Amino acid sequence: MDMELAVKSIAAFVFVMGLMYLLSYALKKIGIAGQGMLTGAKRRLKVVEFLPLDQRRKLVLIRRDQKEFLLVLGPNGETLVESNITAPADNVVELPQKEAKNG
C-alpha cells in the first residue's frame, strides 16, 4: 500500500510539473510571458545592470529612452542616487523595427 501511494504521488507531481511547463511554453509562444507586455521597438524601459550591495540592498541602473537612472533598492524603499545620466552611445542597443503589413 505504501509503495502504491508513493508511485501515485510521484506520478501526480510529474503530471503537474508537465502542465506548468506546457502553460509556460504556451504563454511564451503567444507573447504574454516575459519582461513586459510591449514587444519590439515600443519597449522604453530596460534594467542595464544591478549590483547587490549587501543582503538587503542592491544598486540598479535603469535606462529609459536615452537617459539612465541609478537607484538603491532596499526593504525600506527606493533611493534615487543619480538621474538623467546620458546613456553612452556605444552601449545603446537599437531594437529591430517590425515591418508594417499592407493589407
N, C-alpha and C. Protein backbone atom coordinates (compact mmCIF):
# COMPACT_ATOMS: atom_id res chain seq x y z
N MET A 1 0.83 -1.20 0.00
CA MET A 1 0.00 0.00 0.00
C MET A 1 0.86 1.25 0.00
N ASP A 2 1.95 1.26 0.77
CA ASP A 2 2.81 2.44 0.82
C ASP A 2 3.51 2.69 -0.51
N MET A 3 3.92 1.63 -1.20
CA MET A 3 4.58 1.77 -2.49
C MET A 3 3.61 2.33 -3.54
N GLU A 4 2.37 1.89 -3.48
CA GLU A 4 1.35 2.38 -4.41
C GLU A 4 1.11 3.87 -4.21
N LEU A 5 1.05 4.29 -2.97
CA LEU A 5 0.85 5.71 -2.65
C LEU A 5 2.04 6.55 -3.12
N ALA A 6 3.25 6.03 -2.94
CA ALA A 6 4.45 6.76 -3.39
C ALA A 6 4.45 6.90 -4.90
N VAL A 7 4.10 5.87 -5.63
CA VAL A 7 4.07 5.92 -7.10
C VAL A 7 3.00 6.91 -7.56
N LYS A 8 1.84 6.89 -6.94
CA LYS A 8 0.78 7.82 -7.30
C LYS A 8 1.21 9.27 -7.02
N SER A 9 1.89 9.50 -5.91
CA SER A 9 2.36 10.85 -5.57
C SER A 9 3.38 11.35 -6.58
N ILE A 10 4.32 10.49 -6.94
CA ILE A 10 5.34 10.88 -7.92
C ILE A 10 4.70 11.13 -9.28
N ALA A 11 3.76 10.29 -9.68
CA ALA A 11 3.08 10.47 -10.96
C ALA A 11 2.29 11.78 -10.98
N ALA A 12 1.61 12.09 -9.87
CA ALA A 12 0.86 13.34 -9.80
C ALA A 12 1.80 14.54 -9.86
N PHE A 13 2.94 14.46 -9.19
CA PHE A 13 3.91 15.55 -9.22
C PHE A 13 4.44 15.77 -10.64
N VAL A 14 4.81 14.69 -11.32
CA VAL A 14 5.31 14.80 -12.70
C VAL A 14 4.24 15.37 -13.61
N PHE A 15 2.99 14.96 -13.43
CA PHE A 15 1.88 15.46 -14.24
C PHE A 15 1.69 16.97 -14.04
N VAL A 16 1.69 17.42 -12.80
CA VAL A 16 1.50 18.85 -12.51
C VAL A 16 2.68 19.67 -13.06
N MET A 17 3.89 19.17 -12.90
CA MET A 17 5.07 19.88 -13.44
C MET A 17 4.99 19.96 -14.96
N GLY A 18 4.52 18.91 -15.59
CA GLY A 18 4.34 18.93 -17.04
C GLY A 18 3.32 19.95 -17.48
N LEU A 19 2.20 20.04 -16.75
CA LEU A 19 1.19 21.05 -17.06
C LEU A 19 1.75 22.47 -16.89
N MET A 20 2.54 22.68 -15.85
CA MET A 20 3.14 24.00 -15.64
C MET A 20 4.10 24.34 -16.78
N TYR A 21 4.88 23.37 -17.24
CA TYR A 21 5.80 23.60 -18.34
C TYR A 21 5.03 23.94 -19.61
N LEU A 22 3.96 23.19 -19.89
CA LEU A 22 3.16 23.46 -21.10
C LEU A 22 2.52 24.85 -21.04
N LEU A 23 2.03 25.25 -19.90
CA LEU A 23 1.44 26.58 -19.74
C LEU A 23 2.50 27.65 -19.96
N SER A 24 3.67 27.46 -19.39
CA SER A 24 4.77 28.41 -19.57
C SER A 24 5.16 28.53 -21.04
N TYR A 25 5.26 27.40 -21.72
CA TYR A 25 5.62 27.38 -23.13
C TYR A 25 4.55 28.10 -23.96
N ALA A 26 3.29 27.84 -23.67
CA ALA A 26 2.20 28.47 -24.41
C ALA A 26 2.18 29.98 -24.19
N LEU A 27 2.41 30.43 -22.97
CA LEU A 27 2.43 31.87 -22.69
C LEU A 27 3.58 32.56 -23.41
N LYS A 28 4.73 31.90 -23.50
CA LYS A 28 5.86 32.47 -24.23
C LYS A 28 5.56 32.55 -25.72
N LYS A 29 4.91 31.53 -26.26
CA LYS A 29 4.60 31.50 -27.69
C LYS A 29 3.63 32.60 -28.09
N ILE A 30 2.64 32.87 -27.25
CA ILE A 30 1.67 33.90 -27.61
C ILE A 30 2.11 35.29 -27.15
N GLY A 31 3.23 35.37 -26.46
CA GLY A 31 3.81 36.67 -26.12
C GLY A 31 3.32 37.28 -24.83
N ILE A 32 2.65 36.53 -24.00
CA ILE A 32 2.16 37.09 -22.74
C ILE A 32 3.24 37.07 -21.67
N ALA A 33 4.02 36.01 -21.61
CA ALA A 33 5.08 35.91 -20.61
C ALA A 33 6.29 36.69 -21.06
N GLY A 34 7.09 37.12 -20.12
CA GLY A 34 8.31 37.84 -20.47
C GLY A 34 8.51 39.06 -19.61
N GLN A 35 9.30 40.00 -20.10
CA GLN A 35 9.65 41.17 -19.30
C GLN A 35 8.62 42.28 -19.39
N GLY A 36 7.69 42.19 -20.27
CA GLY A 36 6.68 43.23 -20.35
C GLY A 36 5.68 42.89 -21.43
N MET A 37 4.65 43.67 -21.48
CA MET A 37 3.62 43.41 -22.47
C MET A 37 3.98 43.99 -23.84
N LEU A 38 4.86 44.98 -23.88
CA LEU A 38 5.23 45.59 -25.15
C LEU A 38 6.33 44.80 -25.82
N THR A 39 6.27 44.73 -27.13
CA THR A 39 7.29 44.00 -27.87
C THR A 39 7.99 44.92 -28.85
N GLY A 40 9.15 44.50 -29.29
CA GLY A 40 9.87 45.21 -30.34
C GLY A 40 10.33 46.58 -29.91
N ALA A 41 10.19 47.55 -30.82
CA ALA A 41 10.73 48.89 -30.61
C ALA A 41 9.88 49.73 -29.65
N LYS A 42 8.72 49.25 -29.23
CA LYS A 42 7.86 50.02 -28.33
C LYS A 42 8.37 50.02 -26.89
N ARG A 43 9.25 49.09 -26.55
CA ARG A 43 9.75 48.96 -25.18
C ARG A 43 10.70 50.11 -24.87
N ARG A 44 10.44 50.85 -23.79
CA ARG A 44 11.25 52.02 -23.45
C ARG A 44 12.09 51.81 -22.20
N LEU A 45 11.77 50.84 -21.38
CA LEU A 45 12.49 50.62 -20.12
C LEU A 45 13.39 49.40 -20.22
N LYS A 46 14.55 49.50 -19.55
CA LYS A 46 15.48 48.38 -19.53
C LYS A 46 16.32 48.47 -18.27
N VAL A 47 16.50 47.33 -17.59
CA VAL A 47 17.43 47.26 -16.48
C VAL A 47 18.80 46.98 -17.10
N VAL A 48 19.70 47.96 -17.03
CA VAL A 48 21.01 47.83 -17.66
C VAL A 48 21.88 46.88 -16.86
N GLU A 49 21.98 47.10 -15.55
CA GLU A 49 22.71 46.18 -14.69
C GLU A 49 22.32 46.44 -13.24
N PHE A 50 22.62 45.46 -12.40
CA PHE A 50 22.38 45.62 -10.97
C PHE A 50 23.53 45.00 -10.21
N LEU A 51 23.74 45.51 -9.01
CA LEU A 51 24.84 45.07 -8.17
C LEU A 51 24.34 44.93 -6.74
N PRO A 52 24.39 43.73 -6.16
CA PRO A 52 24.00 43.59 -4.75
C PRO A 52 25.00 44.30 -3.85
N LEU A 53 24.50 45.18 -2.98
CA LEU A 53 25.36 45.88 -2.03
C LEU A 53 25.55 45.06 -0.76
N ASP A 54 24.47 44.49 -0.28
CA ASP A 54 24.50 43.58 0.86
C ASP A 54 23.29 42.67 0.72
N GLN A 55 22.93 41.99 1.79
CA GLN A 55 21.82 41.04 1.70
C GLN A 55 20.48 41.72 1.49
N ARG A 56 20.38 42.98 1.85
CA ARG A 56 19.08 43.65 1.79
C ARG A 56 18.97 44.71 0.71
N ARG A 57 20.07 45.21 0.20
CA ARG A 57 20.01 46.32 -0.76
C ARG A 57 20.76 45.97 -2.04
N LYS A 58 20.31 46.58 -3.15
CA LYS A 58 21.05 46.44 -4.39
C LYS A 58 20.99 47.75 -5.17
N LEU A 59 22.03 47.97 -5.93
CA LEU A 59 22.19 49.14 -6.78
C LEU A 59 21.72 48.77 -8.18
N VAL A 60 20.83 49.57 -8.77
CA VAL A 60 20.24 49.24 -10.06
C VAL A 60 20.41 50.41 -11.02
N LEU A 61 20.87 50.13 -12.23
CA LEU A 61 20.98 51.13 -13.29
C LEU A 61 19.87 50.84 -14.29
N ILE A 62 18.96 51.81 -14.45
CA ILE A 62 17.79 51.65 -15.32
C ILE A 62 17.89 52.65 -16.47
N ARG A 63 17.57 52.20 -17.68
CA ARG A 63 17.56 53.10 -18.85
C ARG A 63 16.12 53.30 -19.30
N ARG A 64 15.78 54.59 -19.51
CA ARG A 64 14.50 54.97 -20.10
C ARG A 64 14.82 55.89 -21.26
N ASP A 65 14.42 55.50 -22.45
CA ASP A 65 14.76 56.21 -23.68
C ASP A 65 16.28 56.33 -23.76
N GLN A 66 16.84 57.53 -23.75
CA GLN A 66 18.29 57.69 -23.83
C GLN A 66 18.88 58.19 -22.51
N LYS A 67 18.14 58.09 -21.43
CA LYS A 67 18.61 58.52 -20.11
C LYS A 67 18.71 57.32 -19.18
N GLU A 68 19.65 57.38 -18.25
CA GLU A 68 19.82 56.33 -17.26
C GLU A 68 19.62 56.89 -15.86
N PHE A 69 19.16 56.04 -14.96
CA PHE A 69 18.89 56.43 -13.59
C PHE A 69 19.51 55.39 -12.66
N LEU A 70 20.20 55.86 -11.62
CA LEU A 70 20.86 54.99 -10.66
C LEU A 70 20.04 54.98 -9.38
N LEU A 71 19.59 53.79 -8.96
CA LEU A 71 18.72 53.63 -7.79
C LEU A 71 19.33 52.66 -6.80
N VAL A 72 19.03 52.87 -5.52
CA VAL A 72 19.33 51.89 -4.49
C VAL A 72 17.98 51.35 -4.03
N LEU A 73 17.78 50.03 -4.19
CA LEU A 73 16.54 49.39 -3.79
C LEU A 73 16.78 48.61 -2.51
N GLY A 74 15.89 48.79 -1.56
CA GLY A 74 16.00 48.09 -0.29
C GLY A 74 14.64 47.85 0.32
N PRO A 75 14.59 47.21 1.46
CA PRO A 75 13.30 46.89 2.08
C PRO A 75 12.55 48.13 2.57
N ASN A 76 13.26 49.22 2.81
CA ASN A 76 12.62 50.44 3.29
C ASN A 76 12.19 51.36 2.17
N GLY A 77 12.44 50.98 0.92
CA GLY A 77 12.03 51.81 -0.21
C GLY A 77 13.17 51.98 -1.20
N GLU A 78 12.98 52.94 -2.09
CA GLU A 78 13.95 53.22 -3.14
C GLU A 78 14.58 54.57 -2.89
N THR A 79 15.83 54.71 -3.29
CA THR A 79 16.53 55.98 -3.20
C THR A 79 17.15 56.28 -4.56
N LEU A 80 16.83 57.44 -5.11
CA LEU A 80 17.41 57.86 -6.37
C LEU A 80 18.78 58.46 -6.08
N VAL A 81 19.83 57.83 -6.60
CA VAL A 81 21.19 58.29 -6.36
C VAL A 81 21.57 59.33 -7.40
N GLU A 82 21.29 59.04 -8.67
CA GLU A 82 21.64 59.96 -9.75
C GLU A 82 20.60 59.81 -10.86
N SER A 83 20.23 60.93 -11.48
CA SER A 83 19.23 60.87 -12.54
C SER A 83 19.74 61.57 -13.78
N ASN A 84 19.04 61.34 -14.87
CA ASN A 84 19.34 61.95 -16.17
C ASN A 84 20.78 61.73 -16.62
N ILE A 85 21.30 60.55 -16.38
CA ILE A 85 22.62 60.19 -16.88
C ILE A 85 22.45 59.89 -18.36
N THR A 86 23.25 60.51 -19.21
CA THR A 86 23.15 60.25 -20.63
C THR A 86 23.72 58.87 -20.93
N ALA A 87 22.94 58.07 -21.62
CA ALA A 87 23.39 56.72 -21.96
C ALA A 87 24.53 56.79 -22.96
N PRO A 88 25.59 56.00 -22.76
CA PRO A 88 26.69 56.01 -23.73
C PRO A 88 26.22 55.52 -25.09
N ALA A 89 26.70 56.17 -26.14
CA ALA A 89 26.24 55.85 -27.50
C ALA A 89 26.63 54.44 -27.91
N ASP A 90 27.79 53.96 -27.49
CA ASP A 90 28.22 52.62 -27.90
C ASP A 90 27.51 51.52 -27.13
N ASN A 91 26.80 51.88 -26.07
CA ASN A 91 26.12 50.90 -25.24
C ASN A 91 24.62 50.83 -25.54
N VAL A 92 24.13 51.70 -26.42
CA VAL A 92 22.71 51.74 -26.73
C VAL A 92 22.40 50.65 -27.74
N VAL A 93 21.42 49.83 -27.42
CA VAL A 93 21.01 48.76 -28.32
C VAL A 93 19.73 49.18 -29.01
N GLU A 94 19.76 49.23 -30.33
CA GLU A 94 18.57 49.55 -31.09
C GLU A 94 17.77 48.28 -31.32
N LEU A 95 16.50 48.31 -31.01
CA LEU A 95 15.65 47.16 -31.23
C LEU A 95 15.17 47.14 -32.67
N PRO A 96 15.04 45.98 -33.27
CA PRO A 96 14.60 45.92 -34.67
C PRO A 96 13.17 46.39 -34.81
N GLN A 97 12.93 47.11 -35.89
CA GLN A 97 11.59 47.62 -36.19
C GLN A 97 10.79 46.53 -36.88
N LYS A 98 9.53 46.41 -36.52
CA LYS A 98 8.66 45.46 -37.22
C LYS A 98 8.14 46.14 -38.48
N GLU A 99 8.17 45.40 -39.57
CA GLU A 99 7.69 45.96 -40.83
C GLU A 99 6.17 45.99 -40.81
N ALA A 100 5.62 47.10 -41.30
CA ALA A 100 4.18 47.24 -41.35
C ALA A 100 3.64 46.41 -42.52
N LYS A 101 2.56 45.69 -42.28
CA LYS A 101 1.95 44.86 -43.33
C LYS A 101 0.87 45.68 -44.01
N ASN A 102 0.96 45.74 -45.30
CA ASN A 102 -0.06 46.45 -46.09
C ASN A 102 -1.14 45.46 -46.46
N GLY A 103 -2.37 45.78 -46.04
CA GLY A 103 -3.45 44.85 -46.20
C GLY A 103 -4.09 44.87 -47.48
